Every structure is written in structure tokens, then in C-alpha cells.
Amino acid sequence: MRSRRTVLLAAALPLLASPNVAAQVTLGVGVGASSSELIVTGVAVDSQEPRRSPAVSLSVAVPLSERVGIEFGAGYIRRGSTSTLLQLGDVDYRIQYLQISALGKASAPVIGQRLSVHFLAGPALRLETSCEREARLVLQPITFLVECDAPEADSRTAAIDYAVLGGVGARLAATSRLGFRLDFIYSRGLRSFFENETETTARNRAVTLQAGVDYRIG
């Protein structure tokens, strides 16, 4: 099990806006659902069942101009999937991350100042908080369940994962400060999340649909 205190402290760093821009930021909170799967190489995968799970995030958006800005985010996400391997059985990865992101944001009005659309893109850093691997053999009724960072695990996962995010969304202004938004985000891991280099690699990929509210300060 990874240290939760360490990852929580690390997640707070991008959300600390400097005092001179604190009056310009937009604070947001979002909840939604994600569907994730693994991009696997080096082993024959017969089929794969995605992992569907809730997603929660906080954001701080700092404007650079009237329509362009940077949105810092921190969220709790779950990744993994169940893969059916030929001649072996099912392997289920259940990974939980604290995700920190810095996304460029460009917006454009649709109906005056009330409705706008925006585009998001940028990198994300993921800090693993827990990971389990469950293997169910096809020839024998045996199930193996291990922590991914346990000494006996033959394919340990890295504590840090890197990804790129991109998406589109819309914001409906309820007042001059309060707004409601809906975002569709695609994410893809940039490298294998296995700690050691092996012939088998696995990267996370997911789509997330998230609704939320934001509040403009200043």
C-alpha cells in the first residue's frame, strides 16, 4: 500500500495559486464516471472487460487572457480492467490513483456570455495509492490475489504513472460567478505502469464523463 499522506501532500502543490492571481481564479468541483481499459503488448489477450468506476475532482483555473487559461486539477480515479488471456485465464487489475493535471483551456461563447464551449489538453501525473491483481486460472478453480507492490508480485507496478489528457466541455452560467459544466475527457498513459522493464507492457486508457459546478472569484 502506498503512503496516502505523501500523495495527498503532493496533490496539494499544483492547487496553490500565488496571491497576485488568487482574485482571478475559478474554483470547481466535479463528479462523474469513467470507463478504463489496458493497452497490453507482449501477451495474447483474447478479450477485455473495461473497469467502470466513479471519478471525483477539484480544479483551480487561472486565466491567461479572456478566452485562454490553465486549469490545475486533482482527482481520485480508478483504472484497470479484466483481461482474458489465451490458455491462462482472467487477470484483473484494480489500480487507484491520485491524479494531478495541468491542462491548457481555450473557450468560446455559444450564446452570448451564458453558454460557452471549451477545449482541454495537457499532461497528468498519477500517484498510485493502491493496486490489486487478481488472477483466475482457466484450467483450475484457483484464484490468486496479491498487492501489486508486494515482494512476491512478479510484475510490480510503479508508484508514478504519466498520462496525457484531452477533451471538450460546455459551461452554462447561472449567475455572473456560478456556473455548471459538463466535460468529456480522454486519457492515455504514456508508458507501461510496470516497475521493471519486461516484454509485457500495459498502459492505462480511459474516457470520463463528468459534471460539476464552478465559482469565479474576483
Protein backbone atom coordinates (compact mmCIF):
# COMPACT_ATOMS: atom_id res chain seq x y z
CA MET A 1 0.00 0.00 0.00
CA ARG A 2 1.41 3.41 -0.96
CA SER A 3 1.66 6.19 1.59
CA ARG A 4 -1.57 8.22 1.40
CA ARG A 5 -0.03 11.10 3.34
CA THR A 6 2.71 11.51 0.73
CA VAL A 7 0.36 11.56 -2.23
CA LEU A 8 -2.07 13.99 -0.56
CA LEU A 9 0.73 16.46 0.13
CA ALA A 10 1.97 16.16 -3.43
CA ALA A 11 -1.51 16.70 -4.82
CA ALA A 12 -1.90 19.97 -2.97
CA LEU A 13 1.10 21.64 -4.61
CA PRO A 14 -0.42 22.48 -8.02
CA LEU A 15 -3.52 23.94 -6.34
CA LEU A 16 -1.63 26.70 -4.53
CA ALA A 17 -2.15 29.77 -6.66
CA SER A 18 0.08 32.75 -5.96
CA PRO A 19 -1.52 35.66 -4.08
CA ASN A 20 -1.43 38.02 -7.07
CA VAL A 21 -3.74 35.77 -9.10
CA ALA A 22 -5.88 34.46 -6.25
CA ALA A 23 -8.61 37.04 -7.00
CA GLN A 24 -8.86 35.86 -10.64
CA VAL A 25 -9.22 32.12 -10.27
CA THR A 26 -12.22 29.87 -10.78
CA LEU A 27 -12.73 27.08 -8.26
CA GLY A 28 -14.51 23.93 -9.37
CA VAL A 29 -15.64 20.51 -8.23
CA GLY A 30 -16.79 17.65 -10.44
CA VAL A 31 -18.18 14.13 -10.18
CA GLY A 32 -18.72 11.59 -12.89
CA ALA A 33 -17.97 8.12 -14.20
CA SER A 34 -15.10 6.62 -16.14
CA SER A 35 -14.55 3.54 -18.27
CA SER A 36 -10.96 2.31 -18.39
CA GLU A 37 -9.04 -0.45 -20.10
CA LEU A 38 -5.45 -1.54 -20.60
CA ILE A 39 -3.33 -1.31 -23.73
CA VAL A 40 -1.37 -4.58 -23.44
CA THR A 41 1.56 -5.79 -25.55
CA GLY A 42 3.74 -8.88 -25.29
CA VAL A 43 0.94 -11.29 -24.33
CA ALA A 44 -2.06 -12.64 -26.23
CA VAL A 45 -5.30 -11.09 -24.95
CA ASP A 46 -8.47 -12.82 -26.11
CA SER A 47 -10.89 -10.22 -24.74
CA GLN A 48 -11.03 -7.40 -22.25
CA GLU A 49 -13.76 -6.06 -19.99
CA PRO A 50 -13.37 -2.37 -19.06
CA ARG A 51 -13.48 -1.17 -15.49
CA ARG A 52 -16.26 1.30 -14.78
CA SER A 53 -15.94 3.46 -11.70
CA PRO A 54 -16.80 6.87 -10.22
CA ALA A 55 -14.47 9.86 -10.56
CA VAL A 56 -14.13 12.92 -8.31
CA SER A 57 -12.03 16.02 -8.97
CA LEU A 58 -11.19 19.53 -7.80
CA SER A 59 -9.89 22.29 -10.06
CA VAL A 60 -8.39 25.76 -9.99
CA ALA A 61 -8.48 27.64 -13.30
CA VAL A 62 -6.16 30.61 -13.83
CA PRO A 63 -6.91 32.87 -16.84
CA LEU A 64 -4.12 33.99 -19.15
CA SER A 65 -6.45 36.04 -21.33
CA GLU A 66 -10.19 36.41 -21.83
CA ARG A 67 -10.54 33.01 -23.55
CA VAL A 68 -7.33 31.12 -22.71
CA GLY A 69 -6.12 29.81 -19.36
CA ILE A 70 -4.59 26.95 -17.40
CA GLU A 71 -6.68 24.59 -15.31
CA PHE A 72 -4.91 22.78 -12.46
CA GLY A 73 -6.71 19.71 -11.19
CA ALA A 74 -6.52 16.98 -8.60
CA GLY A 75 -8.75 13.95 -8.62
CA TYR A 76 -9.26 10.44 -7.32
CA ILE A 77 -9.52 7.91 -10.14
CA ARG A 78 -9.62 4.15 -10.61
CA ARG A 79 -8.03 2.35 -13.51
CA GLY A 80 -7.55 -1.21 -14.76
CA SER A 81 -9.62 -3.87 -16.49
CA THR A 82 -10.23 -7.60 -16.65
CA SER A 83 -8.23 -9.28 -19.42
CA THR A 84 -8.86 -12.83 -20.62
CA LEU A 85 -5.52 -14.35 -21.63
CA LEU A 86 -5.39 -17.26 -24.06
CA GLN A 87 -4.69 -20.62 -22.39
CA LEU A 88 -4.34 -18.95 -18.98
CA GLY A 89 -7.45 -17.30 -17.58
CA ASP A 90 -8.59 -13.89 -16.37
CA VAL A 91 -6.27 -11.25 -14.94
CA ASP A 92 -7.93 -8.33 -13.18
CA TYR A 93 -6.00 -5.16 -12.33
CA ARG A 94 -7.63 -2.75 -9.87
CA ILE A 95 -5.49 0.37 -9.54
CA GLN A 96 -6.33 3.57 -7.67
CA TYR A 97 -4.55 6.86 -8.32
CA LEU A 98 -4.44 10.42 -7.10
CA GLN A 99 -4.20 12.35 -10.37
CA ILE A 100 -2.65 15.81 -10.71
CA SER A 101 -3.06 17.65 -14.01
CA ALA A 102 -2.24 20.96 -15.68
CA LEU A 103 -4.44 21.47 -18.73
CA GLY A 104 -4.47 24.27 -21.24
CA LYS A 105 -8.01 25.57 -21.69
CA ALA A 106 -9.48 27.51 -24.62
CA SER A 107 -13.12 28.61 -24.56
CA ALA A 108 -15.55 30.28 -26.94
CA PRO A 109 -19.07 31.69 -26.40
CA VAL A 110 -22.07 29.99 -27.97
CA ILE A 111 -24.99 32.06 -26.70
CA GLY A 112 -23.72 35.42 -25.52
CA GLN A 113 -21.97 35.06 -22.20
CA ARG A 114 -24.39 32.46 -20.83
CA LEU A 115 -23.28 29.32 -22.68
CA SER A 116 -19.73 28.55 -23.78
CA VAL A 117 -17.74 25.57 -25.00
CA HIS A 118 -14.15 24.80 -24.07
CA PHE A 119 -11.31 22.50 -25.09
CA LEU A 120 -8.80 20.96 -22.68
CA ALA A 121 -5.42 19.31 -23.23
CA GLY A 122 -2.31 18.68 -21.20
CA PRO A 123 -0.23 16.30 -19.05
CA ALA A 124 -1.15 14.46 -15.87
CA LEU A 125 0.85 12.86 -13.07
CA ARG A 126 -0.68 9.92 -11.24
CA LEU A 127 0.37 8.75 -7.79
CA GLU A 128 -0.64 5.17 -7.06
CA THR A 129 -2.46 4.77 -3.75
CA SER A 130 -3.30 1.09 -4.07
CA CYS A 131 -3.24 -1.74 -6.59
CA GLU A 132 -4.51 -5.31 -6.58
CA ARG A 133 -4.04 -8.04 -9.15
CA GLU A 134 -6.41 -10.98 -9.21
CA ALA A 135 -5.71 -13.98 -11.44
CA ARG A 136 -8.27 -16.74 -12.07
CA LEU A 137 -6.85 -19.79 -13.84
CA VAL A 138 -8.91 -21.35 -16.60
CA LEU A 139 -7.77 -24.95 -16.05
CA GLN A 140 -8.03 -25.00 -12.25
CA PRO A 141 -10.52 -23.36 -9.84
CA ILE A 142 -7.76 -21.29 -8.22
CA THR A 143 -7.72 -17.54 -7.62
CA PHE A 144 -4.60 -15.57 -6.75
CA LEU A 145 -4.99 -12.10 -5.20
CA VAL A 146 -1.88 -10.03 -4.46
CA GLU A 147 -0.96 -6.41 -3.81
CA CYS A 148 0.93 -5.10 -6.85
CA ASP A 149 3.81 -3.79 -4.72
CA ALA A 150 4.12 -6.96 -2.60
CA PRO A 151 7.55 -8.65 -2.62
CA GLU A 152 6.06 -11.84 -4.09
CA ALA A 153 4.46 -9.99 -7.03
CA ASP A 154 6.21 -10.92 -10.28
CA SER A 155 5.11 -7.76 -12.10
CA ARG A 156 5.21 -4.87 -9.65
CA THR A 157 3.61 -1.58 -10.64
CA ALA A 158 5.34 1.80 -10.48
CA ALA A 159 4.36 4.34 -7.83
CA ILE A 160 4.07 7.07 -10.50
CA ASP A 161 2.28 6.94 -13.85
CA TYR A 162 2.26 9.62 -16.56
CA ALA A 163 -0.59 10.39 -18.94
CA VAL A 164 -1.89 12.91 -21.44
CA LEU A 165 -5.46 14.21 -21.26
CA GLY A 166 -7.67 15.86 -23.84
CA GLY A 167 -11.33 16.70 -24.05
CA VAL A 168 -14.21 19.03 -24.70
CA GLY A 169 -16.86 20.54 -22.47
CA ALA A 170 -19.54 23.16 -22.03
CA ARG A 171 -20.33 25.69 -19.30
CA LEU A 172 -23.71 27.21 -18.50
CA ALA A 173 -23.57 30.39 -16.41
CA ALA A 174 -26.22 30.50 -13.68
CA THR A 175 -25.01 33.87 -12.35
CA SER A 176 -22.06 36.13 -13.07
CA ARG A 177 -19.94 33.90 -10.80
CA LEU A 178 -21.61 30.50 -10.57
CA GLY A 179 -21.67 28.05 -13.46
CA PHE A 180 -22.49 24.45 -14.32
CA ARG A 181 -20.24 22.44 -16.62
CA LEU A 182 -20.10 19.10 -18.40
CA ASP A 183 -16.81 17.61 -19.63
CA PHE A 184 -15.84 14.61 -21.73
CA ILE A 185 -12.19 13.65 -21.18
CA TYR A 186 -9.99 11.05 -22.89
CA SER A 187 -6.79 9.96 -21.13
CA ARG A 188 -3.93 7.72 -22.21
CA GLY A 189 -0.91 6.51 -20.30
CA LEU A 190 2.44 7.50 -21.78
CA ARG A 191 4.36 4.44 -20.62
CA SER A 192 3.89 0.99 -19.15
CA PHE A 193 2.93 1.11 -15.48
CA PHE A 194 5.07 -1.93 -14.67
CA GLU A 195 8.04 -1.01 -12.50
CA ASN A 196 10.56 -3.25 -14.24
CA GLU A 197 11.14 -3.42 -17.98
CA THR A 198 9.71 -6.66 -19.38
CA GLU A 199 8.48 -7.94 -22.72
CA THR A 200 4.93 -7.40 -21.48
CA THR A 201 3.74 -3.80 -21.19
CA ALA A 202 0.46 -2.30 -20.00
CA ARG A 203 -0.76 1.28 -20.24
CA ASN A 204 -3.95 2.84 -18.95
CA ARG A 205 -6.57 4.30 -21.26
CA ALA A 206 -9.93 5.75 -20.22
CA VAL A 207 -12.84 8.01 -21.08
CA THR A 208 -14.56 10.06 -18.40
CA LEU A 209 -17.86 11.93 -18.42
CA GLN A 210 -18.03 14.45 -15.60
CA ALA A 211 -20.49 17.11 -14.41
CA GLY A 212 -19.67 19.84 -11.96
CA VAL A 213 -20.04 23.38 -10.69
CA ASP A 214 -17.52 26.21 -10.58
CA TYR A 215 -17.36 29.60 -8.91
CA ARG A 216 -15.40 32.60 -10.10
CA ILE A 217 -13.52 34.63 -7.51
CA GLY A 218 -12.91 38.32 -8.13
